[in-house]
């Protein structure tokens, strides 16, 4: 009985090995137009998000023959991305409903408070220029107070949107961020943002 079991196990082991080799051979078989996924596939993200954002900007700058490398300042963009991280992840935000919108008191200590002031100052300027909601910005010792209201305080959808977005939604809204980042990296003096 023991010899039969050993023989059966050996036969099953050999069959499993042959089946595995057949599957591997089929997986590596070539057909016309076929590529190896492992050889062609590359990650689309360059790692941590700030690093990936910088890498994307570098690719754009390198691809543009008009780039004036004497003005390029990636450190300025890196500092801005650090501010974005501080404001997004390290602030304390208190939201209060006000007629026609919301009030956001955004606070932090040290570098966080400074980042809040820089980020909101630049964003409020952009929002105003783009015809966004009304924004009153007041600097505090440890941050800012933003009162964001709809142009028409009786527009229930616009008011609900402001309240629903909250502070971080307000800060991330708009289609100017990519252009702003590129302008910072290019050394554009009109890019603003205190760095």
N, C-alpha and C. Protein backbone atom coordinates (compact mmCIF):
# COMPACT_ATOMS: atom_id res chain seq x y z
N UNK A 1 0.82 -1.20 0.00
CA UNK A 1 0.00 0.00 0.00
C UNK A 1 0.86 1.25 0.00
N UNK A 2 1.94 1.25 0.75
CA UNK A 2 2.83 2.40 0.81
C UNK A 2 3.49 2.65 -0.54
N UNK A 3 3.91 1.61 -1.22
CA UNK A 3 4.53 1.75 -2.54
C UNK A 3 3.53 2.31 -3.54
N UNK A 4 2.27 1.85 -3.47
CA UNK A 4 1.24 2.36 -4.37
C UNK A 4 0.99 3.84 -4.11
N UNK A 5 0.95 4.23 -2.84
CA UNK A 5 0.73 5.65 -2.52
C UNK A 5 1.89 6.49 -3.02
N UNK A 6 3.13 6.02 -2.81
CA UNK A 6 4.28 6.78 -3.28
C UNK A 6 4.26 6.91 -4.80
N UNK A 7 3.92 5.87 -5.48
CA UNK A 7 3.86 5.90 -6.94
C UNK A 7 2.76 6.86 -7.40
N UNK A 8 1.61 6.78 -6.75
CA UNK A 8 0.49 7.67 -7.11
C UNK A 8 0.88 9.12 -6.86
N UNK A 9 1.52 9.41 -5.73
CA UNK A 9 1.95 10.78 -5.42
C UNK A 9 2.98 11.26 -6.44
N UNK A 10 3.89 10.38 -6.82
CA UNK A 10 4.90 10.74 -7.82
C UNK A 10 4.25 11.05 -9.15
N UNK A 11 3.31 10.18 -9.56
CA UNK A 11 2.60 10.40 -10.83
C UNK A 11 1.82 11.71 -10.78
N UNK A 12 1.11 11.97 -9.68
CA UNK A 12 0.34 13.21 -9.54
C UNK A 12 1.27 14.43 -9.54
N UNK A 13 2.42 14.30 -8.87
CA UNK A 13 3.39 15.39 -8.84
C UNK A 13 3.93 15.71 -10.22
N UNK A 14 4.26 14.67 -10.97
CA UNK A 14 4.76 14.87 -12.33
C UNK A 14 3.68 15.48 -13.20
N UNK A 15 2.44 15.00 -13.07
CA UNK A 15 1.33 15.54 -13.85
C UNK A 15 1.11 17.02 -13.53
N UNK A 16 1.18 17.37 -12.25
CA UNK A 16 1.00 18.77 -11.84
C UNK A 16 2.12 19.64 -12.40
N UNK A 17 3.36 19.14 -12.34
CA UNK A 17 4.49 19.87 -12.88
C UNK A 17 4.35 20.10 -14.38
N UNK A 18 3.94 19.04 -15.10
CA UNK A 18 3.75 19.17 -16.55
C UNK A 18 2.62 20.14 -16.87
N UNK A 19 1.53 20.08 -16.09
CA UNK A 19 0.41 21.00 -16.31
C UNK A 19 0.84 22.43 -16.06
N UNK A 20 1.64 22.65 -15.01
CA UNK A 20 2.13 23.99 -14.70
C UNK A 20 3.01 24.51 -15.83
N UNK A 21 3.90 23.65 -16.33
CA UNK A 21 4.78 24.06 -17.43
C UNK A 21 3.97 24.38 -18.69
N UNK A 22 2.90 23.61 -18.94
CA UNK A 22 2.05 23.85 -20.11
C UNK A 22 1.37 25.22 -19.99
N UNK A 23 0.85 25.54 -18.77
CA UNK A 23 0.21 26.83 -18.55
C UNK A 23 1.22 27.95 -18.74
N UNK A 24 2.42 27.79 -18.19
CA UNK A 24 3.45 28.81 -18.36
C UNK A 24 3.82 28.99 -19.83
N UNK A 25 3.92 27.88 -20.55
CA UNK A 25 4.26 27.96 -21.98
C UNK A 25 3.18 28.70 -22.75
N UNK A 26 1.92 28.43 -22.41
CA UNK A 26 0.81 29.12 -23.09
C UNK A 26 0.81 30.61 -22.74
N UNK A 27 1.16 30.92 -21.49
CA UNK A 27 1.18 32.33 -21.06
C UNK A 27 2.27 33.11 -21.79
N UNK A 28 3.37 32.40 -22.15
CA UNK A 28 4.47 33.08 -22.83
C UNK A 28 4.44 32.91 -24.34
N UNK A 29 3.44 32.20 -24.86
CA UNK A 29 3.34 31.98 -26.30
C UNK A 29 3.04 33.30 -27.00
N UNK A 30 3.54 33.44 -28.19
CA UNK A 30 3.34 34.66 -28.96
C UNK A 30 2.29 34.45 -30.03
N UNK A 31 1.48 35.45 -30.19
CA UNK A 31 0.55 35.50 -31.31
C UNK A 31 0.79 36.83 -32.00
N UNK A 32 0.45 36.94 -33.26
CA UNK A 32 0.70 38.20 -33.98
C UNK A 32 0.07 39.39 -33.27
N UNK A 33 0.85 40.46 -33.09
CA UNK A 33 0.36 41.70 -32.48
C UNK A 33 0.36 41.69 -30.97
N UNK A 34 0.75 40.58 -30.38
CA UNK A 34 0.72 40.47 -28.92
C UNK A 34 2.00 41.05 -28.33
N UNK A 35 1.87 41.75 -27.19
CA UNK A 35 3.04 42.26 -26.49
C UNK A 35 3.07 41.69 -25.09
N UNK A 36 4.23 41.70 -24.49
CA UNK A 36 4.34 41.26 -23.10
C UNK A 36 3.86 42.38 -22.19
N UNK A 37 2.82 42.15 -21.39
CA UNK A 37 2.34 43.22 -20.53
C UNK A 37 3.39 43.72 -19.55
N UNK A 38 4.19 42.82 -19.02
CA UNK A 38 5.20 43.22 -18.06
C UNK A 38 6.25 44.12 -18.68
N UNK A 39 6.59 43.88 -19.93
CA UNK A 39 7.63 44.67 -20.59
C UNK A 39 7.10 46.03 -21.02
N UNK A 40 5.84 46.14 -21.40
CA UNK A 40 5.29 47.39 -21.92
C UNK A 40 4.65 48.25 -20.84
N UNK A 41 4.13 47.63 -19.79
CA UNK A 41 3.40 48.39 -18.78
C UNK A 41 4.36 49.09 -17.83
N UNK A 42 4.15 50.36 -17.64
CA UNK A 42 4.91 51.15 -16.68
C UNK A 42 3.93 51.85 -15.76
N UNK A 43 4.34 52.13 -14.53
CA UNK A 43 3.45 52.86 -13.63
C UNK A 43 3.09 54.22 -14.21
N UNK A 44 1.89 54.67 -13.93
CA UNK A 44 1.48 55.99 -14.40
C UNK A 44 1.72 57.05 -13.33
N UNK A 45 1.92 56.65 -12.09
CA UNK A 45 2.21 57.59 -11.01
C UNK A 45 3.69 57.52 -10.66
N UNK A 46 4.29 58.68 -10.47
CA UNK A 46 5.72 58.72 -10.16
C UNK A 46 5.96 58.68 -8.66
N UNK A 47 5.07 58.05 -7.91
CA UNK A 47 5.27 57.93 -6.47
C UNK A 47 4.33 58.84 -5.71
N UNK A 48 4.84 59.45 -4.66
CA UNK A 48 4.09 60.36 -3.81
C UNK A 48 3.50 61.49 -4.67
N UNK A 49 2.34 61.99 -4.29
CA UNK A 49 1.61 62.90 -5.18
C UNK A 49 2.35 64.19 -5.50
N UNK A 50 3.04 64.79 -4.54
CA UNK A 50 3.80 66.01 -4.84
C UNK A 50 4.95 65.71 -5.80
N UNK A 51 5.60 64.58 -5.58
CA UNK A 51 6.69 64.16 -6.47
C UNK A 51 6.14 63.95 -7.88
N UNK A 52 4.98 63.29 -7.98
CA UNK A 52 4.36 63.03 -9.28
C UNK A 52 3.97 64.34 -9.96
N UNK A 53 3.45 65.30 -9.20
CA UNK A 53 3.08 66.59 -9.78
C UNK A 53 4.31 67.31 -10.31
N UNK A 54 5.40 67.27 -9.57
CA UNK A 54 6.65 67.89 -10.02
C UNK A 54 7.18 67.19 -11.27
N UNK A 55 7.13 65.86 -11.27
CA UNK A 55 7.61 65.10 -12.43
C UNK A 55 6.81 65.45 -13.68
N UNK A 56 5.51 65.62 -13.52
CA UNK A 56 4.67 65.98 -14.67
C UNK A 56 5.06 67.36 -15.21
N UNK A 57 5.29 68.30 -14.31
CA UNK A 57 5.69 69.65 -14.73
C UNK A 57 7.04 69.60 -15.44
N UNK A 58 7.98 68.81 -14.91
CA UNK A 58 9.29 68.69 -15.55
C UNK A 58 9.14 68.16 -16.97
N UNK A 59 8.27 67.16 -17.16
CA UNK A 59 8.04 66.62 -18.51
C UNK A 59 7.50 67.70 -19.45
N UNK A 60 6.58 68.51 -18.96
CA UNK A 60 6.00 69.58 -19.77
C UNK A 60 7.08 70.60 -20.14
N UNK A 61 7.88 70.99 -19.16
CA UNK A 61 8.94 71.97 -19.42
C UNK A 61 9.96 71.44 -20.42
N UNK A 62 10.35 70.18 -20.24
CA UNK A 62 11.34 69.58 -21.14
C UNK A 62 10.80 69.40 -22.56
N UNK A 63 9.51 69.19 -22.70
CA UNK A 63 8.91 68.99 -24.02
C UNK A 63 8.66 70.30 -24.76
N UNK A 64 8.71 71.41 -24.05
CA UNK A 64 8.41 72.71 -24.65
C UNK A 64 9.71 73.43 -25.03
N UNK A 65 10.00 73.58 -26.32
CA UNK A 65 11.25 74.24 -26.73
C UNK A 65 11.30 75.72 -26.34
N UNK A 66 10.16 76.29 -25.96
CA UNK A 66 10.13 77.70 -25.56
C UNK A 66 10.46 77.90 -24.09
N UNK A 67 10.68 76.83 -23.34
CA UNK A 67 10.98 76.96 -21.92
C UNK A 67 12.25 77.79 -21.73
N UNK A 68 12.13 78.82 -20.91
CA UNK A 68 13.28 79.66 -20.56
C UNK A 68 13.86 79.11 -19.27
N UNK A 69 14.89 78.28 -19.39
CA UNK A 69 15.47 77.59 -18.23
C UNK A 69 16.11 78.54 -17.25
N UNK A 70 16.39 79.78 -17.67
CA UNK A 70 16.98 80.75 -16.73
C UNK A 70 15.93 81.25 -15.73
N UNK A 71 14.65 81.04 -16.03
CA UNK A 71 13.58 81.48 -15.14
C UNK A 71 12.92 80.33 -14.37
N UNK A 72 13.13 79.11 -14.81
CA UNK A 72 12.47 77.96 -14.18
C UNK A 72 12.84 77.89 -12.71
N UNK A 73 11.82 77.66 -11.86
CA UNK A 73 12.03 77.61 -10.42
C UNK A 73 11.15 76.50 -9.83
N UNK A 74 11.62 75.29 -9.90
CA UNK A 74 10.85 74.16 -9.37
C UNK A 74 10.75 74.19 -7.86
N UNK A 75 11.71 74.83 -7.21
CA UNK A 75 11.65 74.93 -5.74
C UNK A 75 10.41 75.73 -5.32
N UNK A 76 10.08 76.73 -6.08
CA UNK A 76 8.88 77.54 -5.79
C UNK A 76 7.63 76.67 -5.85
N UNK A 77 7.55 75.81 -6.86
CA UNK A 77 6.42 74.89 -6.96
C UNK A 77 6.46 73.87 -5.83
N UNK A 78 7.63 73.36 -5.48
CA UNK A 78 7.73 72.39 -4.39
C UNK A 78 7.21 72.98 -3.08
N UNK A 79 7.56 74.23 -2.82
CA UNK A 79 7.07 74.90 -1.60
C UNK A 79 5.55 75.07 -1.63
N UNK A 80 5.02 75.38 -2.80
CA UNK A 80 3.57 75.50 -2.95
C UNK A 80 2.89 74.16 -2.67
N UNK A 81 3.46 73.08 -3.20
CA UNK A 81 2.89 71.75 -2.97
C UNK A 81 2.97 71.38 -1.49
N UNK A 82 4.03 71.81 -0.81
CA UNK A 82 4.14 71.59 0.63
C UNK A 82 3.02 72.35 1.35
N UNK A 83 2.74 73.58 0.90
CA UNK A 83 1.62 74.35 1.47
C UNK A 83 0.30 73.61 1.26
N UNK A 84 0.12 73.07 0.06
CA UNK A 84 -1.12 72.34 -0.23
C UNK A 84 -1.29 71.17 0.74
N UNK A 85 -0.21 70.48 1.00
CA UNK A 85 -0.25 69.35 1.93
C UNK A 85 -0.62 69.82 3.33
N UNK A 86 0.01 70.88 3.80
CA UNK A 86 -0.26 71.40 5.14
C UNK A 86 -1.72 71.83 5.29
N UNK A 87 -2.21 72.56 4.28
CA UNK A 87 -3.58 73.07 4.35
C UNK A 87 -4.59 71.93 4.25
N UNK A 88 -4.32 70.96 3.40
CA UNK A 88 -5.25 69.85 3.21
C UNK A 88 -5.31 68.94 4.42
N UNK A 89 -4.17 68.66 5.02
CA UNK A 89 -4.11 67.61 6.04
C UNK A 89 -3.89 68.09 7.47
N UNK A 90 -3.44 69.32 7.67
CA UNK A 90 -3.03 69.71 9.02
C UNK A 90 -3.81 70.87 9.63
N UNK A 91 -4.84 71.36 8.96
CA UNK A 91 -5.60 72.49 9.49
C UNK A 91 -6.76 72.01 10.34
N UNK A 92 -7.25 72.94 11.15
CA UNK A 92 -8.51 72.74 11.88
C UNK A 92 -9.51 73.70 11.25
N UNK A 93 -10.62 73.16 10.78
CA UNK A 93 -11.61 73.98 10.08
C UNK A 93 -12.93 73.93 10.83
N UNK A 94 -13.48 75.11 11.08
CA UNK A 94 -14.80 75.22 11.67
C UNK A 94 -15.72 75.87 10.64
N UNK A 95 -16.81 75.18 10.32
CA UNK A 95 -17.78 75.68 9.34
C UNK A 95 -19.04 76.13 10.04
N UNK A 96 -19.56 77.27 9.60
CA UNK A 96 -20.79 77.81 10.16
C UNK A 96 -21.67 78.26 9.00
N UNK A 97 -22.94 77.94 9.08
CA UNK A 97 -23.90 78.39 8.08
C UNK A 97 -24.14 79.89 8.27
N UNK A 98 -24.08 80.63 7.17
CA UNK A 98 -24.42 82.05 7.18
C UNK A 98 -25.45 82.26 6.07
N UNK A 99 -26.23 83.33 6.11
CA UNK A 99 -27.19 83.58 5.04
C UNK A 99 -26.50 83.60 3.67
N UNK A 100 -26.96 82.76 2.77
CA UNK A 100 -26.42 82.74 1.42
C UNK A 100 -25.15 81.92 1.24
N UNK A 101 -24.68 81.23 2.30
CA UNK A 101 -23.45 80.46 2.14
C UNK A 101 -22.92 79.90 3.43
N UNK A 102 -21.62 80.05 3.63
CA UNK A 102 -20.97 79.49 4.82
C UNK A 102 -19.76 80.31 5.21
N UNK A 103 -19.41 80.20 6.47
CA UNK A 103 -18.18 80.80 6.99
C UNK A 103 -17.24 79.65 7.36
N UNK A 104 -15.97 79.78 6.96
CA UNK A 104 -14.96 78.78 7.30
C UNK A 104 -13.84 79.46 8.06
N UNK A 105 -13.60 79.02 9.28
CA UNK A 105 -12.47 79.51 10.05
C UNK A 105 -11.44 78.40 10.00
N UNK A 106 -10.30 78.73 9.40
CA UNK A 106 -9.25 77.74 9.13
C UNK A 106 -8.03 78.13 9.95
N UNK A 107 -7.63 77.21 10.85
CA UNK A 107 -6.54 77.53 11.78
C UNK A 107 -5.44 76.48 11.75
N UNK A 108 -4.27 76.92 12.17
CA UNK A 108 -3.13 76.03 12.31
C UNK A 108 -2.05 76.75 13.09
N UNK A 109 -0.97 76.04 13.35
CA UNK A 109 0.14 76.65 14.07
C UNK A 109 1.36 76.68 13.16
N UNK A 110 2.24 77.64 13.41
CA UNK A 110 3.52 77.72 12.70
C UNK A 110 3.38 77.73 11.19
N UNK A 111 4.05 76.75 10.55
CA UNK A 111 4.05 76.65 9.09
C UNK A 111 2.64 76.45 8.53
N UNK A 112 1.78 75.80 9.30
CA UNK A 112 0.41 75.53 8.83
C UNK A 112 -0.35 76.85 8.69
N UNK A 113 -0.27 77.71 9.70
CA UNK A 113 -0.96 79.00 9.64
C UNK A 113 -0.45 79.84 8.48
N UNK A 114 0.87 79.84 8.27
CA UNK A 114 1.44 80.60 7.16
C UNK A 114 0.97 80.05 5.82
N UNK A 115 0.90 78.72 5.70
CA UNK A 115 0.43 78.09 4.47
C UNK A 115 -1.03 78.43 4.20
N UNK A 116 -1.85 78.45 5.24
CA UNK A 116 -3.27 78.80 5.10
C UNK A 116 -3.40 80.20 4.53
N UNK A 117 -2.62 81.11 5.04
CA UNK A 117 -2.69 82.50 4.56
C UNK A 117 -2.26 82.61 3.11
N UNK A 118 -1.17 81.93 2.75
CA UNK A 118 -0.71 81.99 1.36
C UNK A 118 -1.71 81.34 0.40
N UNK A 119 -2.16 80.14 0.76
CA UNK A 119 -3.06 79.39 -0.13
C UNK A 119 -4.39 80.09 -0.32
N UNK A 120 -4.98 80.56 0.75
CA UNK A 120 -6.29 81.20 0.61
C UNK A 120 -6.19 82.54 -0.08
N UNK A 121 -5.10 83.27 0.15
CA UNK A 121 -4.93 84.55 -0.52
C UNK A 121 -4.87 84.38 -2.03
N UNK A 122 -4.07 83.42 -2.47
CA UNK A 122 -3.95 83.16 -3.91
C UNK A 122 -5.26 82.64 -4.48
N UNK A 123 -5.93 81.74 -3.75
CA UNK A 123 -7.15 81.13 -4.29
C UNK A 123 -8.29 82.14 -4.37
N UNK A 124 -8.43 82.96 -3.36
CA UNK A 124 -9.51 83.97 -3.38
C UNK A 124 -9.33 84.89 -4.58
N UNK A 125 -8.10 85.26 -4.87
CA UNK A 125 -7.83 86.12 -6.04
C UNK A 125 -8.27 85.42 -7.32
N UNK A 126 -7.95 84.14 -7.44
CA UNK A 126 -8.33 83.38 -8.64
C UNK A 126 -9.85 83.21 -8.75
N UNK A 127 -10.49 82.89 -7.62
CA UNK A 127 -11.94 82.69 -7.62
C UNK A 127 -12.65 83.98 -8.02
N UNK A 128 -12.21 85.08 -7.48
CA UNK A 128 -12.81 86.38 -7.79
C UNK A 128 -12.64 86.71 -9.27
N UNK A 129 -11.44 86.49 -9.79
CA UNK A 129 -11.17 86.77 -11.21
C UNK A 129 -12.01 85.88 -12.12
N UNK A 130 -12.32 84.67 -11.67
CA UNK A 130 -13.09 83.72 -12.49
C UNK A 130 -14.60 83.90 -12.33
N UNK A 131 -15.03 84.87 -11.52
CA UNK A 131 -16.46 85.10 -11.34
C UNK A 131 -17.13 84.11 -10.41
N UNK A 132 -16.35 83.53 -9.49
CA UNK A 132 -16.90 82.57 -8.53
C UNK A 132 -17.76 83.25 -7.49
N UNK A 133 -18.03 82.56 -6.39
CA UNK A 133 -18.88 83.15 -5.35
C UNK A 133 -18.21 84.35 -4.69
N UNK A 134 -18.99 85.10 -3.93
CA UNK A 134 -18.45 86.22 -3.18
C UNK A 134 -17.62 85.66 -2.02
N UNK A 135 -16.45 86.24 -1.80
CA UNK A 135 -15.59 85.76 -0.71
C UNK A 135 -15.04 86.96 0.04
N UNK A 136 -15.25 86.92 1.35
CA UNK A 136 -14.62 87.91 2.23
C UNK A 136 -13.56 87.14 3.03
N UNK A 137 -12.33 87.59 2.95
CA UNK A 137 -11.22 86.91 3.61
C UNK A 137 -10.64 87.83 4.67
N UNK A 138 -10.53 87.30 5.89
CA UNK A 138 -9.94 88.05 6.99
C UNK A 138 -8.82 87.21 7.59
N UNK A 139 -7.62 87.78 7.66
CA UNK A 139 -6.51 87.05 8.29
C UNK A 139 -6.64 87.09 9.80
N UNK A 140 -6.35 85.95 10.41
CA UNK A 140 -6.31 85.81 11.85
C UNK A 140 -4.86 85.54 12.25
N UNK A 141 -4.56 85.61 13.51
CA UNK A 141 -3.20 85.33 13.97
C UNK A 141 -2.78 83.93 13.54
N UNK A 142 -3.69 82.97 13.64
CA UNK A 142 -3.36 81.57 13.37
C UNK A 142 -4.07 80.99 12.14
N UNK A 143 -4.47 81.85 11.23
CA UNK A 143 -5.14 81.35 10.02
C UNK A 143 -5.96 82.41 9.34
N UNK A 144 -7.15 82.01 8.85
CA UNK A 144 -8.03 82.94 8.16
C UNK A 144 -9.50 82.62 8.45
N UNK A 145 -10.33 83.64 8.20
CA UNK A 145 -11.78 83.46 8.20
C UNK A 145 -12.24 83.79 6.79
N UNK A 146 -12.98 82.86 6.20
CA UNK A 146 -13.55 83.07 4.87
C UNK A 146 -15.06 83.04 4.99
N UNK A 147 -15.70 84.05 4.46
CA UNK A 147 -17.16 84.04 4.35
C UNK A 147 -17.46 83.94 2.86
N UNK A 148 -18.04 82.81 2.47
CA UNK A 148 -18.29 82.51 1.06
C UNK A 148 -19.80 82.50 0.85
N UNK A 149 -20.27 83.37 -0.04
CA UNK A 149 -21.71 83.46 -0.30
C UNK A 149 -21.99 83.46 -1.80
N UNK A 150 -23.16 82.99 -2.14
CA UNK A 150 -23.60 82.97 -3.54
C UNK A 150 -23.88 84.40 -4.00
N UNK A 151 -23.71 84.63 -5.31
CA UNK A 151 -24.05 85.95 -5.86
C UNK A 151 -25.51 86.26 -5.60
N UNK A 152 -26.35 85.25 -5.75
CA UNK A 152 -27.77 85.39 -5.45
C UNK A 152 -28.04 84.54 -4.22
N UNK A 153 -28.16 85.18 -3.07
CA UNK A 153 -28.32 84.44 -1.80
C UNK A 153 -29.63 83.66 -1.76
N UNK A 154 -30.53 83.90 -2.71
CA UNK A 154 -31.79 83.15 -2.78
C UNK A 154 -31.70 81.95 -3.72
N UNK A 155 -30.53 81.76 -4.35
CA UNK A 155 -30.32 80.61 -5.23
C UNK A 155 -29.97 79.41 -4.36
N UNK A 156 -30.97 78.59 -4.08
CA UNK A 156 -30.81 77.47 -3.14
C UNK A 156 -29.73 76.48 -3.58
N UNK A 157 -29.61 76.25 -4.89
CA UNK A 157 -28.59 75.31 -5.39
C UNK A 157 -27.20 75.87 -5.16
N UNK A 158 -26.99 77.14 -5.47
CA UNK A 158 -25.67 77.76 -5.29
C UNK A 158 -25.28 77.79 -3.81
N UNK A 159 -26.24 78.09 -2.96
CA UNK A 159 -25.98 78.12 -1.51
C UNK A 159 -25.65 76.71 -1.01
N UNK A 160 -26.42 75.72 -1.45
CA UNK A 160 -26.17 74.34 -1.04
C UNK A 160 -24.81 73.85 -1.53
N UNK A 161 -24.42 74.29 -2.73
CA UNK A 161 -23.12 73.90 -3.28
C UNK A 161 -21.99 74.42 -2.40
N UNK A 162 -22.06 75.67 -2.00
CA UNK A 162 -21.03 76.27 -1.13
C UNK A 162 -20.94 75.49 0.17
N UNK A 163 -22.08 75.23 0.76
CA UNK A 163 -22.09 74.50 2.05
C UNK A 163 -21.64 73.06 1.88
N UNK A 164 -22.05 72.44 0.78
CA UNK A 164 -21.66 71.06 0.54
C UNK A 164 -20.17 70.90 0.26
N UNK A 165 -19.60 71.83 -0.48
CA UNK A 165 -18.17 71.76 -0.78
C UNK A 165 -17.33 71.96 0.47
N UNK A 166 -17.79 72.82 1.36
CA UNK A 166 -16.99 73.10 2.54
C UNK A 166 -15.72 73.83 2.17
N UNK A 167 -14.84 73.97 3.15
CA UNK A 167 -13.60 74.72 2.91
C UNK A 167 -12.72 74.05 1.86
N UNK A 168 -12.47 72.75 2.02
CA UNK A 168 -11.52 72.10 1.10
C UNK A 168 -12.09 72.01 -0.31
N UNK A 169 -13.40 71.85 -0.43
CA UNK A 169 -14.02 71.86 -1.75
C UNK A 169 -13.91 73.22 -2.41
N UNK A 170 -14.11 74.28 -1.61
CA UNK A 170 -13.94 75.64 -2.12
C UNK A 170 -12.51 75.84 -2.59
N UNK A 171 -11.55 75.37 -1.79
CA UNK A 171 -10.14 75.58 -2.12
C UNK A 171 -9.72 74.81 -3.37
N UNK A 172 -10.32 73.66 -3.60
CA UNK A 172 -9.92 72.84 -4.75
C UNK A 172 -10.74 73.12 -6.00
N UNK A 173 -11.79 73.90 -5.88
CA UNK A 173 -12.65 74.15 -7.04
C UNK A 173 -11.99 75.09 -8.03
N UNK A 174 -12.39 74.96 -9.26
CA UNK A 174 -11.84 75.80 -10.33
C UNK A 174 -10.86 75.01 -11.17
N UNK A 175 -10.64 75.51 -12.36
CA UNK A 175 -9.80 74.80 -13.32
C UNK A 175 -8.47 75.52 -13.53
N UNK A 176 -7.99 76.18 -12.50
CA UNK A 176 -6.79 76.99 -12.66
C UNK A 176 -5.55 76.38 -12.01
N UNK A 177 -5.70 75.29 -11.28
CA UNK A 177 -4.58 74.75 -10.49
C UNK A 177 -3.40 74.31 -11.36
N UNK A 178 -3.67 73.56 -12.41
CA UNK A 178 -2.58 73.10 -13.28
C UNK A 178 -1.83 74.26 -13.91
N UNK A 179 -2.57 75.24 -14.41
CA UNK A 179 -1.94 76.41 -15.03
C UNK A 179 -1.14 77.20 -13.99
N UNK A 180 -1.67 77.28 -12.77
CA UNK A 180 -0.99 77.98 -11.68
C UNK A 180 0.33 77.27 -11.35
N UNK A 181 0.30 75.95 -11.28
CA UNK A 181 1.51 75.19 -10.97
C UNK A 181 2.57 75.36 -12.06
N UNK A 182 2.13 75.34 -13.30
CA UNK A 182 3.07 75.52 -14.41
C UNK A 182 3.66 76.93 -14.37
N UNK A 183 2.84 77.93 -14.07
CA UNK A 183 3.33 79.31 -13.99
C UNK A 183 4.34 79.46 -12.85
N UNK A 184 4.08 78.83 -11.72
CA UNK A 184 5.03 78.87 -10.60
C UNK A 184 6.37 78.27 -11.03
N UNK A 185 6.33 77.11 -11.67
CA UNK A 185 7.54 76.42 -12.09
C UNK A 185 8.29 77.21 -13.16
N UNK A 186 7.56 77.87 -14.05
CA UNK A 186 8.20 78.65 -15.12
C UNK A 186 8.84 79.94 -14.59
N UNK A 187 8.54 80.27 -13.32
CA UNK A 187 9.08 81.50 -12.76
C UNK A 187 8.29 82.73 -13.15
N UNK A 188 7.04 82.54 -13.54
CA UNK A 188 6.17 83.65 -13.94
C UNK A 188 5.92 84.54 -12.74
N UNK A 189 6.25 85.81 -12.86
CA UNK A 189 6.08 86.74 -11.74
C UNK A 189 4.61 86.98 -11.44
N UNK A 190 3.72 86.71 -12.38
CA UNK A 190 2.29 86.92 -12.16
C UNK A 190 1.64 85.74 -11.46
N UNK A 191 2.41 84.66 -11.19
CA UNK A 191 1.83 83.46 -10.58
C UNK A 191 1.45 83.69 -9.13
N UNK A 192 1.99 84.72 -8.51
CA UNK A 192 1.64 85.04 -7.14
C UNK A 192 2.09 83.96 -6.17
N UNK A 193 1.49 83.92 -5.03
CA UNK A 193 1.64 82.89 -4.03
C UNK A 193 2.83 83.01 -3.13
N UNK A 194 3.40 84.11 -2.90
CA UNK A 194 4.35 84.33 -1.81
C UNK A 194 5.57 83.44 -1.71
N UNK A 195 5.88 82.61 -2.69
CA UNK A 195 7.10 81.80 -2.60
C UNK A 195 8.08 82.33 -3.62
